[in-house]
Amino acid sequence: MTYAGGPITSRSTPGEARDNRGNILHAWRGADNDSIWISLNNGPAYSLPNAQTWTPPRVIWTDDGGRGNFRIFHTGTEGHVYQHRVQLSASYQLPGTLPNWTRIPSDTRTTDTEPVAAAALPGNSFMLAWNSQSNDDIWTMYYNGETGTYSSPSVVPGAQSKDAPGLAAQVDTNNDPAPWNQVVLAFTGTDNYVYMSRQRYGTGNWTNPFRVYATGTPGYTRNGPSVALSRNGYGVITITEDRDNTIGSYIISRDGGWSGYYEENSFALSPGKTPLAVIAGTDLYYVINGSGGGKSGVLWKKVYDFAVMPTPSAPQW
């Protein structure tokens, strides 16, 4: 992965998001500092004002009916969760002055070495998820983009983890062939296996967490997973396999099931760096900070196109 200055170098996995015009914003922690750097469409890199983190930043794009908002979330070095909201100019360029951070309210904080998870929702809204700073609970919070207000943080019943969760949402935009209309939370349990919980969009209620497992697969990791959902009813929960640091992905479906396990043996990851699963439309990409194909550093690879898969069953609750 590159920007105008060359390959991206970082001490963690970067974050990225695309808007509805195809503009892509990358964000990453510096290779030799704790600053957060961003680049639009692989252009020059700029540091976000006063942002310091020991964790990977998370990036989403929320639709406000106009140019929308790129939102970069990070865990501060003292554990509080922060946001930078970046709106592109009328010519779809980065603003001349990048915005300062705002702190997420309700004393939202996690362990200073764990990232926060974020998922974009309709109406310029989003949801956050994070691991408790004091125990193994996972908390979530909803931001209503129409009213500009946050809900009170709430614990996901039965979800216990020592690592950062993964969060993704896909809600029908009237042109999706098989919409999810739900939010999916993925996390590594205290037993180091992978679990999933789902929320039907608009209800606020989570399903009981259940283990995602396929016979004959390891499904074992000491790091938090990444989750991404496509517009045609499929998605992945992606992990760093504990046995050899390669990528493993469970293919999940909008009905709550899963349909297979894919292992990416050509990518060997550095221990402790969770791969980022990214879906653009129906195309699945991996973004890693590791090594593969004779290269090392921050790398990406197109893995699969879910458009070739049959239409999955409707969501079950």
C-alpha atoms as a PDB file:
ATOM      1  CA  MET A   1       0.000   0.000   0.000  1.00  0.00           C
ATOM      2  CA  THR A   2       1.392   3.398  -0.955  1.00  0.00           C
ATOM      3  CA  TYR A   3       0.804   7.133  -0.748  1.00  0.00           C
ATOM      4  CA  ALA A   4       2.517   9.973  -2.574  1.00  0.00           C
ATOM      5  CA  GLY A   5       5.669   9.585  -0.488  1.00  0.00           C
ATOM      6  CA  GLY A   6       6.012   5.863  -1.157  1.00  0.00           C
ATOM      7  CA  PRO A   7       4.982   2.716   0.729  1.00  0.00           C
ATOM      8  CA  ILE A   8       3.023   3.234   3.932  1.00  0.00           C
ATOM      9  CA  THR A   9       5.090   2.280   6.966  1.00  0.00           C
ATOM     10  CA  SER A  10       3.416   1.820  10.314  1.00  0.00           C
ATOM     11  CA  ARG A  11       3.633  -0.076  13.585  1.00  0.00           C
ATOM     12  CA  SER A  12       0.052  -1.312  13.260  1.00  0.00           C
ATOM     13  CA  THR A  13      -2.534  -2.249  10.659  1.00  0.00           C
ATOM     14  CA  PRO A  14      -3.990   0.870   8.980  1.00  0.00           C
ATOM     15  CA  GLY A  15      -7.644   1.777   8.571  1.00  0.00           C
ATOM     16  CA  GLU A  16      -9.464   2.805   5.399  1.00  0.00           C
ATOM     17  CA  ALA A  17     -12.890   3.752   4.086  1.00  0.00           C
ATOM     18  CA  ARG A  18     -14.482   4.762   0.782  1.00  0.00           C
ATOM     19  CA  ASP A  19     -17.185   7.322   0.119  1.00  0.00           C
ATOM     20  CA  ASN A  20     -20.043   7.012  -2.388  1.00  0.00           C
ATOM     21  CA  ARG A  21     -17.886   8.520  -5.155  1.00  0.00           C
ATOM     22  CA  GLY A  22     -15.002   6.069  -4.749  1.00  0.00           C
ATOM     23  CA  ASN A  23     -12.683   8.382  -2.805  1.00  0.00           C
ATOM     24  CA  ILE A  24     -10.603   6.383  -0.329  1.00  0.00           C
ATOM     25  CA  LEU A  25      -9.104   7.665   2.897  1.00  0.00           C
ATOM     26  CA  HIS A  26      -6.261   5.777   4.586  1.00  0.00           C
ATOM     27  CA  ALA A  27      -5.236   6.374   8.196  1.00  0.00           C
ATOM     28  CA  TRP A  28      -2.304   4.824  10.030  1.00  0.00           C
ATOM     29  CA  ARG A  29      -0.115   5.124  13.100  1.00  0.00           C
ATOM     30  CA  GLY A  30       3.367   6.415  12.352  1.00  0.00           C
ATOM     31  CA  ALA A  31       6.277   4.040  11.920  1.00  0.00           C
ATOM     32  CA  ASP A  32       8.533   6.003  14.273  1.00  0.00           C
ATOM     33  CA  ASN A  33       6.030   8.086  16.268  1.00  0.00           C
ATOM     34  CA  ASP A  34       2.556   7.834  17.782  1.00  0.00           C
ATOM     35  CA  SER A  35       0.913  10.332  15.427  1.00  0.00           C
ATOM     36  CA  ILE A  36      -1.970   9.431  13.090  1.00  0.00           C
ATOM     37  CA  TRP A  37      -1.382  10.072   9.397  1.00  0.00           C
ATOM     38  CA  ILE A  38      -4.011  10.231   6.656  1.00  0.00           C
ATOM     39  CA  SER A  39      -3.897  10.163   2.873  1.00  0.00           C
ATOM     40  CA  LEU A  40      -6.699  10.707   0.366  1.00  0.00           C
ATOM     41  CA  ASN A  41      -6.610   8.643  -2.838  1.00  0.00           C
ATOM     42  CA  ASN A  42      -2.969   7.666  -2.216  1.00  0.00           C
ATOM     43  CA  GLY A  43      -1.952  11.336  -2.185  1.00  0.00           C
ATOM     44  CA  PRO A  44       0.322  13.178   0.280  1.00  0.00           C
ATOM     45  CA  ALA A  45       0.196  12.189   3.952  1.00  0.00           C
ATOM     46  CA  TYR A  46      -0.809  14.658   6.666  1.00  0.00           C
ATOM     47  CA  SER A  47      -0.835  14.172  10.422  1.00  0.00           C
ATOM     48  CA  LEU A  48      -4.042  14.731  12.358  1.00  0.00           C
ATOM     49  CA  PRO A  49      -3.673  17.583  14.866  1.00  0.00           C
ATOM     50  CA  ASN A  50      -2.803  16.538  18.423  1.00  0.00           C
ATOM     51  CA  ALA A  51      -3.684  12.862  17.875  1.00  0.00           C
ATOM     52  CA  GLN A  52      -1.499  10.339  19.684  1.00  0.00           C
ATOM     53  CA  THR A  53      -2.201   6.608  19.823  1.00  0.00           C
ATOM     54  CA  TRP A  54      -0.625   3.243  20.453  1.00  0.00           C
ATOM     55  CA  THR A  55      -3.339   1.441  18.481  1.00  0.00           C
ATOM     56  CA  PRO A  56      -4.604   1.130  14.896  1.00  0.00           C
ATOM     57  CA  PRO A  57      -7.009   3.942  13.896  1.00  0.00           C
ATOM     58  CA  ARG A  58     -10.449   3.029  12.565  1.00  0.00           C
ATOM     59  CA  VAL A  59     -12.009   4.811   9.565  1.00  0.00           C
ATOM     60  CA  ILE A  60     -15.611   4.900   8.328  1.00  0.00           C
ATOM     61  CA  TRP A  61     -17.596   7.124   5.977  1.00  0.00           C
ATOM     62  CA  THR A  62     -21.096   8.279   6.877  1.00  0.00           C
ATOM     63  CA  ASP A  63     -23.594   9.645   4.349  1.00  0.00           C
ATOM     64  CA  ASP A  64     -25.170  12.997   5.236  1.00  0.00           C
ATOM     65  CA  GLY A  65     -26.874  13.392   1.866  1.00  0.00           C
ATOM     66  CA  GLY A  66     -24.087  15.645   0.584  1.00  0.00           C
ATOM     67  CA  ARG A  67     -20.342  15.077   0.628  1.00  0.00           C
ATOM     68  CA  GLY A  68     -20.603  12.956   3.759  1.00  0.00           C
ATOM     69  CA  ASN A  69     -18.024  12.600   6.489  1.00  0.00           C
ATOM     70  CA  PHE A  70     -14.899  10.512   6.879  1.00  0.00           C
ATOM     71  CA  ARG A  71     -14.597   9.720  10.568  1.00  0.00           C
ATOM     72  CA  ILE A  72     -11.319   8.549  12.115  1.00  0.00           C
ATOM     73  CA  PHE A  73     -11.520   7.036  15.595  1.00  0.00           C
ATOM     74  CA  HIS A  74      -8.595   6.254  17.851  1.00  0.00           C
ATOM     75  CA  THR A  75      -7.774   5.259  21.399  1.00  0.00           C
ATOM     76  CA  GLY A  76      -5.666   7.906  23.119  1.00  0.00           C
ATOM     77  CA  THR A  77      -2.550   6.974  25.033  1.00  0.00           C
ATOM     78  CA  GLU A  78      -4.565   7.403  28.255  1.00  0.00           C
ATOM     79  CA  GLY A  79      -7.396   5.139  27.019  1.00  0.00           C
ATOM     80  CA  HIS A  80     -10.109   7.647  26.069  1.00  0.00           C
ATOM     81  CA  VAL A  81     -11.747   7.295  22.629  1.00  0.00           C
ATOM     82  CA  TYR A  82     -11.499  10.203  20.162  1.00  0.00           C
ATOM     83  CA  GLN A  83     -12.885  11.162  16.763  1.00  0.00           C
ATOM     84  CA  HIS A  84     -11.669  13.356  13.906  1.00  0.00           C
ATOM     85  CA  ARG A  85     -14.443  14.215  11.439  1.00  0.00           C
ATOM     86  CA  VAL A  86     -13.023  15.043   7.998  1.00  0.00           C
ATOM     87  CA  GLN A  87     -15.357  16.411   5.311  1.00  0.00           C
ATOM     88  CA  LEU A  88     -13.900  16.805   1.845  1.00  0.00           C
ATOM     89  CA  SER A  89     -14.055  20.161   0.096  1.00  0.00           C
ATOM     90  CA  ALA A  90     -16.543  21.014  -2.666  1.00  0.00           C
ATOM     91  CA  SER A  91     -13.936  19.730  -5.138  1.00  0.00           C
ATOM     92  CA  TYR A  92     -13.527  16.520  -3.110  1.00  0.00           C
ATOM     93  CA  GLN A  93     -10.110  17.289  -1.688  1.00  0.00           C
ATOM     94  CA  LEU A  94      -8.889  17.250   1.898  1.00  0.00           C
ATOM     95  CA  PRO A  95      -9.675  20.527   3.709  1.00  0.00           C
ATOM     96  CA  GLY A  96      -6.853  23.035   3.998  1.00  0.00           C
ATOM     97  CA  THR A  97      -6.922  22.717   7.785  1.00  0.00           C
ATOM     98  CA  LEU A  98      -7.540  19.312   9.253  1.00  0.00           C
ATOM     99  CA  PRO A  99      -9.905  19.259  12.240  1.00  0.00           C
ATOM    100  CA  ASN A 100      -8.835  18.679  15.811  1.00  0.00           C
ATOM    101  CA  TRP A 101     -10.153  15.724  17.762  1.00  0.00           C
ATOM    102  CA  THR A 102     -13.331  15.561  19.787  1.00  0.00           C
ATOM    103  CA  ARG A 103     -13.593  13.154  22.689  1.00  0.00           C
ATOM    104  CA  ILE A 104     -16.415  10.596  22.617  1.00  0.00           C
ATOM    105  CA  PRO A 105     -18.726  11.445  25.550  1.00  0.00           C
ATOM    106  CA  SER A 106     -19.815   9.394  28.583  1.00  0.00           C
ATOM    107  CA  ASP A 107     -16.189   8.875  29.611  1.00  0.00           C
ATOM    108  CA  THR A 108     -15.829   6.283  26.834  1.00  0.00           C
ATOM    109  CA  ARG A 109     -12.521   4.539  27.294  1.00  0.00           C
ATOM    110  CA  THR A 110     -10.771   1.224  26.719  1.00  0.00           C
ATOM    111  CA  THR A 111      -7.346  -0.225  27.394  1.00  0.00           C
ATOM    112  CA  ASP A 112      -4.725   2.120  25.968  1.00  0.00           C
ATOM    113  CA  THR A 113      -3.346  -0.644  23.735  1.00  0.00           C
ATOM    114  CA  GLU A 114      -6.731  -1.667  22.259  1.00  0.00           C
ATOM    115  CA  PRO A 115      -8.453   0.049  19.307  1.00  0.00           C
ATOM    116  CA  VAL A 116     -12.115   0.991  19.151  1.00  0.00           C
ATOM    117  CA  ALA A 117     -14.398  -0.600  16.525  1.00  0.00           C
ATOM    118  CA  ALA A 118     -16.734   1.490  14.356  1.00  0.00           C
ATOM    119  CA  ALA A 119     -19.538   0.830  11.856  1.00  0.00           C
ATOM    120  CA  ALA A 120     -21.253   3.346   9.563  1.00  0.00           C
ATOM    121  CA  LEU A 121     -25.064   3.481   9.637  1.00  0.00           C
ATOM    122  CA  PRO A 122     -27.678   5.350   7.564  1.00  0.00           C
ATOM    123  CA  GLY A 123     -28.447   9.022   8.155  1.00  0.00           C
ATOM    124  CA  ASN A 124     -24.872  10.057   8.997  1.00  0.00           C
ATOM    125  CA  SER A 125     -25.026   7.766  12.038  1.00  0.00           C
ATOM    126  CA  PHE A 126     -22.589   5.204  13.411  1.00  0.00           C
ATOM    127  CA  MET A 127     -21.992   2.684  16.177  1.00  0.00           C
ATOM    128  CA  LEU A 128     -18.878   2.148  18.283  1.00  0.00           C
ATOM    129  CA  ALA A 129     -17.762  -0.950  20.193  1.00  0.00           C
ATOM    130  CA  TRP A 130     -14.912  -1.346  22.640  1.00  0.00           C
ATOM    131  CA  ASN A 131     -13.511  -3.582  25.332  1.00  0.00           C
ATOM    132  CA  SER A 132     -13.949  -2.426  28.920  1.00  0.00           C
ATOM    133  CA  GLN A 133     -10.961  -0.849  30.607  1.00  0.00           C
ATOM    134  CA  SER A 134     -11.710  -2.644  33.888  1.00  0.00           C
ATOM    135  CA  ASN A 135     -13.067  -6.113  32.955  1.00  0.00           C
ATOM    136  CA  ASP A 136     -13.877  -8.345  29.958  1.00  0.00           C
ATOM    137  CA  ASP A 137     -17.186  -6.700  28.966  1.00  0.00           C
ATOM    138  CA  ILE A 138     -17.797  -5.309  25.482  1.00  0.00           C
ATOM    139  CA  TRP A 139     -19.620  -1.978  25.295  1.00  0.00           C
ATOM    140  CA  THR A 140     -21.405  -0.304  22.397  1.00  0.00           C
ATOM    141  CA  MET A 141     -22.721   3.199  21.757  1.00  0.00           C
ATOM    142  CA  TYR A 142     -24.936   4.590  18.994  1.00  0.00           C
ATOM    143  CA  TYR A 143     -24.588   8.053  17.460  1.00  0.00           C
ATOM    144  CA  ASN A 144     -27.691   9.513  15.806  1.00  0.00           C
ATOM    145  CA  GLY A 145     -26.477  11.647  12.909  1.00  0.00           C
ATOM    146  CA  GLU A 146     -29.863  13.340  12.424  1.00  0.00           C
ATOM    147  CA  THR A 147     -30.084  14.650  15.997  1.00  0.00           C
ATOM    148  CA  GLY A 148     -26.340  14.834  16.685  1.00  0.00           C
ATOM    149  CA  THR A 149     -26.733  12.888  19.930  1.00  0.00           C
ATOM    150  CA  TYR A 150     -25.156   9.800  21.473  1.00  0.00           C
ATOM    151  CA  SER A 151     -27.041   7.063  23.253  1.00  0.00           C
ATOM    152  CA  SER A 152     -25.892   5.868  26.655  1.00  0.00           C
ATOM    153  CA  PRO A 153     -23.192   3.172  26.459  1.00  0.00           C
ATOM    154  CA  SER A 154     -24.487  -0.360  26.991  1.00  0.00           C
ATOM    155  CA  VAL A 155     -22.928  -3.778  27.569  1.00  0.00           C
ATOM    156  CA  VAL A 156     -23.491  -6.530  24.990  1.00  0.00           C
ATOM    157  CA  PRO A 157     -25.044  -9.368  27.030  1.00  0.00           C
ATOM    158  CA  GLY A 158     -22.817 -12.419  27.262  1.00  0.00           C
ATOM    159  CA  ALA A 159     -19.946 -10.943  25.229  1.00  0.00           C
ATOM    160  CA  GLN A 160     -16.667 -11.398  27.090  1.00  0.00           C
ATOM    161  CA  SER A 161     -13.251 -10.672  25.596  1.00  0.00           C
ATOM    162  CA  LYS A 162      -9.780  -9.493  26.515  1.00  0.00           C
ATOM    163  CA  ASP A 163      -9.267  -8.014  23.037  1.00  0.00           C
ATOM    164  CA  ALA A 164     -10.801  -5.338  20.841  1.00  0.00           C
ATOM    165  CA  PRO A 165     -13.981  -6.413  19.026  1.00  0.00           C
ATOM    166  CA  GLY A 166     -14.743  -6.074  15.322  1.00  0.00           C
ATOM    167  CA  LEU A 167     -17.899  -4.294  14.165  1.00  0.00           C
ATOM    168  CA  ALA A 168     -19.630  -3.908  10.797  1.00  0.00           C
ATOM    169  CA  ALA A 169     -23.070  -2.938   9.529  1.00  0.00           C
ATOM    170  CA  GLN A 170     -24.923  -3.233   6.247  1.00  0.00           C
ATOM    171  CA  VAL A 171     -28.355  -1.672   5.875  1.00  0.00           C
ATOM    172  CA  ASP A 172     -30.437  -1.719   2.679  1.00  0.00           C
ATOM    173  CA  THR A 173     -29.918   1.266   0.379  1.00  0.00           C
ATOM    174  CA  ASN A 174     -32.682   0.138  -2.036  1.00  0.00           C
ATOM    175  CA  ASN A 175     -30.214  -1.263  -4.560  1.00  0.00           C
ATOM    176  CA  ASP A 176     -28.645  -4.127  -2.616  1.00  0.00           C
ATOM    177  CA  PRO A 177     -29.369  -7.610  -3.977  1.00  0.00           C
ATOM    178  CA  ALA A 178     -29.408  -9.257  -0.520  1.00  0.00           C
ATOM    179  CA  PRO A 179     -29.191  -6.676   2.294  1.00  0.00           C
ATOM    180  CA  TRP A 180     -28.317  -7.647   5.838  1.00  0.00           C
ATOM    181  CA  ASN A 181     -30.235  -4.870   7.641  1.00  0.00           C
ATOM    182  CA  GLN A 182     -28.172  -5.596  10.707  1.00  0.00           C
ATOM    183  CA  VAL A 183     -25.048  -4.885  12.722  1.00  0.00           C
ATOM    184  CA  VAL A 184     -22.560  -7.694  13.361  1.00  0.00           C
ATOM    185  CA  LEU A 185     -20.212  -7.822  16.333  1.00  0.00           C
ATOM    186  CA  ALA A 186     -17.305 -10.290  16.224  1.00  0.00           C
ATOM    187  CA  PHE A 187     -14.937 -10.896  19.101  1.00  0.00           C
ATOM    188  CA  THR A 188     -12.361 -13.290  20.493  1.00  0.00           C
ATOM    189  CA  GLY A 189     -13.739 -14.947  23.600  1.00  0.00           C
ATOM    190  CA  THR A 190     -11.763 -15.425  26.788  1.00  0.00           C
ATOM    191  CA  ASP A 191     -11.156 -18.988  25.522  1.00  0.00           C
ATOM    192  CA  ASN A 192      -9.460 -17.506  22.403  1.00  0.00           C
ATOM    193  CA  TYR A 193     -12.126 -18.794  20.004  1.00  0.00           C
ATOM    194  CA  VAL A 194     -14.187 -16.544  17.721  1.00  0.00           C
ATOM    195  CA  TYR A 195     -17.750 -15.486  18.526  1.00  0.00           C
ATOM    196  CA  MET A 196     -20.432 -13.451  16.793  1.00  0.00           C
ATOM    197  CA  SER A 197     -23.505 -11.525  17.915  1.00  0.00           C
ATOM    198  CA  ARG A 198     -25.996  -9.751  15.630  1.00  0.00           C
ATOM    199  CA  GLN A 199     -28.394  -6.860  16.029  1.00  0.00           C
ATOM    200  CA  ARG A 200     -31.366  -6.317  13.738  1.00  0.00           C
ATOM    201  CA  TYR A 201     -31.011  -2.686  12.708  1.00  0.00           C
ATOM    202  CA  GLY A 202     -33.238  -0.387  14.696  1.00  0.00           C
ATOM    203  CA  THR A 203     -34.088  -2.818  17.500  1.00  0.00           C
ATOM    204  CA  GLY A 204     -31.134  -2.286  19.829  1.00  0.00           C
ATOM    205  CA  ASN A 205     -31.214  -5.974  20.816  1.00  0.00           C
ATOM    206  CA  TRP A 206     -28.271  -8.347  20.375  1.00  0.00           C
ATOM    207  CA  THR A 207     -28.559 -12.073  19.751  1.00  0.00           C
ATOM    208  CA  ASN A 208     -26.843 -14.315  22.250  1.00  0.00           C
ATOM    209  CA  PRO A 209     -23.168 -14.646  21.251  1.00  0.00           C
ATOM    210  CA  PHE A 210     -22.391 -17.921  19.511  1.00  0.00           C
ATOM    211  CA  ARG A 211     -19.133 -19.506  18.471  1.00  0.00           C
ATOM    212  CA  VAL A 212     -18.185 -19.353  14.794  1.00  0.00           C
ATOM    213  CA  TYR A 213     -16.496 -22.625  13.969  1.00  0.00           C
ATOM    214  CA  ALA A 214     -16.051 -24.976  11.031  1.00  0.00           C
ATOM    215  CA  THR A 215     -14.929 -28.575  11.437  1.00  0.00           C
ATOM    216  CA  GLY A 216     -11.273 -29.074  10.654  1.00  0.00           C
ATOM    217  CA  THR A 217     -10.301 -25.414  11.023  1.00  0.00           C
ATOM    218  CA  PRO A 218      -8.210 -23.950  13.840  1.00  0.00           C
ATOM    219  CA  GLY A 219     -10.359 -20.892  14.577  1.00  0.00           C
ATOM    220  CA  TYR A 220      -8.020 -19.980  17.402  1.00  0.00           C
ATOM    221  CA  THR A 221      -6.460 -16.560  17.914  1.00  0.00           C
ATOM    222  CA  ARG A 222      -5.098 -14.378  20.669  1.00  0.00           C
ATOM    223  CA  ASN A 223      -6.005 -11.171  18.841  1.00  0.00           C
ATOM    224  CA  GLY A 224      -9.284  -9.425  18.115  1.00  0.00           C
ATOM    225  CA  PRO A 225     -10.919 -10.178  14.738  1.00  0.00           C
ATOM    226  CA  SER A 226     -11.946  -7.936  11.861  1.00  0.00           C
ATOM    227  CA  VAL A 227     -15.400  -8.168  10.281  1.00  0.00           C
ATOM    228  CA  ALA A 228     -16.718  -6.869   6.951  1.00  0.00           C
ATOM    229  CA  LEU A 229     -20.082  -7.287   5.200  1.00  0.00           C
ATOM    230  CA  SER A 230     -20.925  -7.175   1.499  1.00  0.00           C
ATOM    231  CA  ARG A 231     -24.096  -5.837  -0.098  1.00  0.00           C
ATOM    232  CA  ASN A 232     -25.202  -9.256  -1.349  1.00  0.00           C
ATOM    233  CA  GLY A 233     -25.574 -11.020   1.982  1.00  0.00           C
ATOM    234  CA  TYR A 234     -22.111 -12.410   2.659  1.00  0.00           C
ATOM    235  CA  GLY A 235     -19.223 -11.258   4.797  1.00  0.00           C
ATOM    236  CA  VAL A 236     -16.139 -12.434   6.650  1.00  0.00           C
ATOM    237  CA  ILE A 237     -14.754 -12.581  10.142  1.00  0.00           C
ATOM    238  CA  THR A 238     -10.991 -12.440   9.693  1.00  0.00           C
ATOM    239  CA  ILE A 239      -8.362 -13.488  12.224  1.00  0.00           C
ATOM    240  CA  THR A 240      -4.655 -14.020  12.648  1.00  0.00           C
ATOM    241  CA  GLU A 241      -4.274 -17.746  13.177  1.00  0.00           C
ATOM    242  CA  ASP A 242      -2.410 -18.486  16.369  1.00  0.00           C
ATOM    243  CA  ARG A 243      -0.527 -21.492  14.992  1.00  0.00           C
ATOM    244  CA  ASP A 244       1.366 -19.776  12.165  1.00  0.00           C
ATOM    245  CA  ASN A 245       0.299 -16.093  11.974  1.00  0.00           C
ATOM    246  CA  THR A 246      -1.434 -16.518   8.601  1.00  0.00           C
ATOM    247  CA  ILE A 247      -4.879 -15.102   7.793  1.00  0.00           C
ATOM    248  CA  GLY A 248      -7.991 -17.169   8.332  1.00  0.00           C
ATOM    249  CA  SER A 249     -11.518 -16.026   7.421  1.00  0.00           C
ATOM    250  CA  TYR A 250     -14.924 -17.440   8.231  1.00  0.00           C
ATOM    251  CA  ILE A 251     -17.426 -16.655   5.467  1.00  0.00           C
ATOM    252  CA  ILE A 252     -20.603 -15.562   7.237  1.00  0.00           C
ATOM    253  CA  SER A 253     -24.116 -15.008   5.929  1.00  0.00           C
ATOM    254  CA  ARG A 254     -26.921 -12.589   6.738  1.00  0.00           C
ATOM    255  CA  ASP A 255     -29.053 -15.446   8.124  1.00  0.00           C
ATOM    256  CA  GLY A 256     -26.577 -15.906  10.981  1.00  0.00           C
ATOM    257  CA  GLY A 257     -24.788 -18.942   9.569  1.00  0.00           C
ATOM    258  CA  TRP A 258     -21.438 -19.412   7.900  1.00  0.00           C
ATOM    259  CA  SER A 259     -20.517 -21.219   4.735  1.00  0.00           C
ATOM    260  CA  GLY A 260     -16.834 -21.953   4.870  1.00  0.00           C
ATOM    261  CA  TYR A 261     -13.359 -21.093   5.993  1.00  0.00           C
ATOM    262  CA  TYR A 262     -10.636 -19.605   3.832  1.00  0.00           C
ATOM    263  CA  GLU A 263      -6.945 -19.627   4.747  1.00  0.00           C
ATOM    264  CA  GLU A 264      -4.554 -17.198   3.063  1.00  0.00           C
ATOM    265  CA  ASN A 265      -1.301 -19.129   3.203  1.00  0.00           C
ATOM    266  CA  SER A 266       0.672 -16.701   1.049  1.00  0.00           C
ATOM    267  CA  PHE A 267       0.487 -13.976   3.714  1.00  0.00           C
ATOM    268  CA  ALA A 268       2.498 -14.457   6.922  1.00  0.00           C
ATOM    269  CA  LEU A 269       1.628 -11.862   9.540  1.00  0.00           C
ATOM    270  CA  SER A 270       3.622 -10.440  12.381  1.00  0.00           C
ATOM    271  CA  PRO A 271       2.239 -11.687  15.719  1.00  0.00           C
ATOM    272  CA  GLY A 272      -0.206  -9.288  17.342  1.00  0.00           C
ATOM    273  CA  LYS A 273      -1.319  -7.453  14.188  1.00  0.00           C
ATOM    274  CA  THR A 274      -4.907  -8.210  13.196  1.00  0.00           C
ATOM    275  CA  PRO A 275      -5.520  -8.127   9.419  1.00  0.00           C
ATOM    276  CA  LEU A 276      -8.124  -5.669   8.183  1.00  0.00           C
ATOM    277  CA  ALA A 277     -10.958  -7.132   6.109  1.00  0.00           C
ATOM    278  CA  VAL A 278     -12.374  -4.577   3.668  1.00  0.00           C
ATOM    279  CA  ILE A 279     -15.315  -5.060   1.301  1.00  0.00           C
ATOM    280  CA  ALA A 280     -15.957  -2.624  -1.549  1.00  0.00           C
ATOM    281  CA  GLY A 281     -19.319  -3.535  -3.060  1.00  0.00           C
ATOM    282  CA  THR A 282     -18.874  -7.301  -3.246  1.00  0.00           C
ATOM    283  CA  ASP A 283     -15.052  -7.417  -3.521  1.00  0.00           C
ATOM    284  CA  LEU A 284     -13.129  -8.621  -0.468  1.00  0.00           C
ATOM    285  CA  TYR A 285      -9.656  -7.238   0.272  1.00  0.00           C
ATOM    286  CA  TYR A 286      -7.122  -7.985   2.981  1.00  0.00           C
ATOM    287  CA  VAL A 287      -4.915  -5.244   4.401  1.00  0.00           C
ATOM    288  CA  ILE A 288      -2.052  -6.413   6.585  1.00  0.00           C
ATOM    289  CA  ASN A 289       1.088  -5.187   8.261  1.00  0.00           C
ATOM    290  CA  GLY A 290       3.360  -8.153   7.695  1.00  0.00           C
ATOM    291  CA  SER A 291       4.893 -10.021   4.787  1.00  0.00           C
ATOM    292  CA  GLY A 292       3.741 -11.795   1.649  1.00  0.00           C
ATOM    293  CA  GLY A 293       4.762 -12.320  -1.938  1.00  0.00           C
ATOM    294  CA  GLY A 294       8.345 -11.303  -1.222  1.00  0.00           C
ATOM    295  CA  LYS A 295       7.260  -7.939   0.207  1.00  0.00           C
ATOM    296  CA  SER A 296       6.880  -6.642   3.729  1.00  0.00           C
ATOM    297  CA  GLY A 297       5.161  -3.738   5.453  1.00  0.00           C
ATOM    298  CA  VAL A 298       1.612  -2.522   4.871  1.00  0.00           C
ATOM    299  CA  LEU A 299       0.230  -4.653   2.023  1.00  0.00           C
ATOM    300  CA  TRP A 300      -3.138  -5.304   0.404  1.00  0.00           C
ATOM    301  CA  LYS A 301      -4.595  -8.035  -1.743  1.00  0.00           C
ATOM    302  CA  LYS A 302      -7.930  -8.626  -3.467  1.00  0.00           C
ATOM    303  CA  VAL A 303      -9.124 -11.993  -2.224  1.00  0.00           C
ATOM    304  CA  TYR A 304     -12.618 -12.755  -3.485  1.00  0.00           C
ATOM    305  CA  ASP A 305     -15.746 -11.444  -5.182  1.00  0.00           C
ATOM    306  CA  PHE A 306     -18.918 -12.452  -3.355  1.00  0.00           C
ATOM    307  CA  ALA A 307     -20.998 -11.635  -6.453  1.00  0.00           C
ATOM    308  CA  VAL A 308     -20.350 -15.174  -7.715  1.00  0.00           C
ATOM    309  CA  MET A 309     -22.078 -16.741  -4.692  1.00  0.00           C
ATOM    310  CA  PRO A 310     -25.778 -17.717  -4.671  1.00  0.00           C
ATOM    311  CA  THR A 311     -28.276 -15.445  -2.939  1.00  0.00           C
ATOM    312  CA  PRO A 312     -28.243 -16.365   0.761  1.00  0.00           C
ATOM    313  CA  SER A 313     -31.283 -16.943   2.927  1.00  0.00           C
ATOM    314  CA  ALA A 314     -33.051 -14.015   4.565  1.00  0.00           C
ATOM    315  CA  PRO A 315     -31.979 -13.033   8.098  1.00  0.00           C
ATOM    316  CA  GLN A 316     -33.179 -15.318  10.886  1.00  0.00           C
ATOM    317  CA  TRP A 317     -33.836 -14.052  14.402  1.00  0.00           C
END
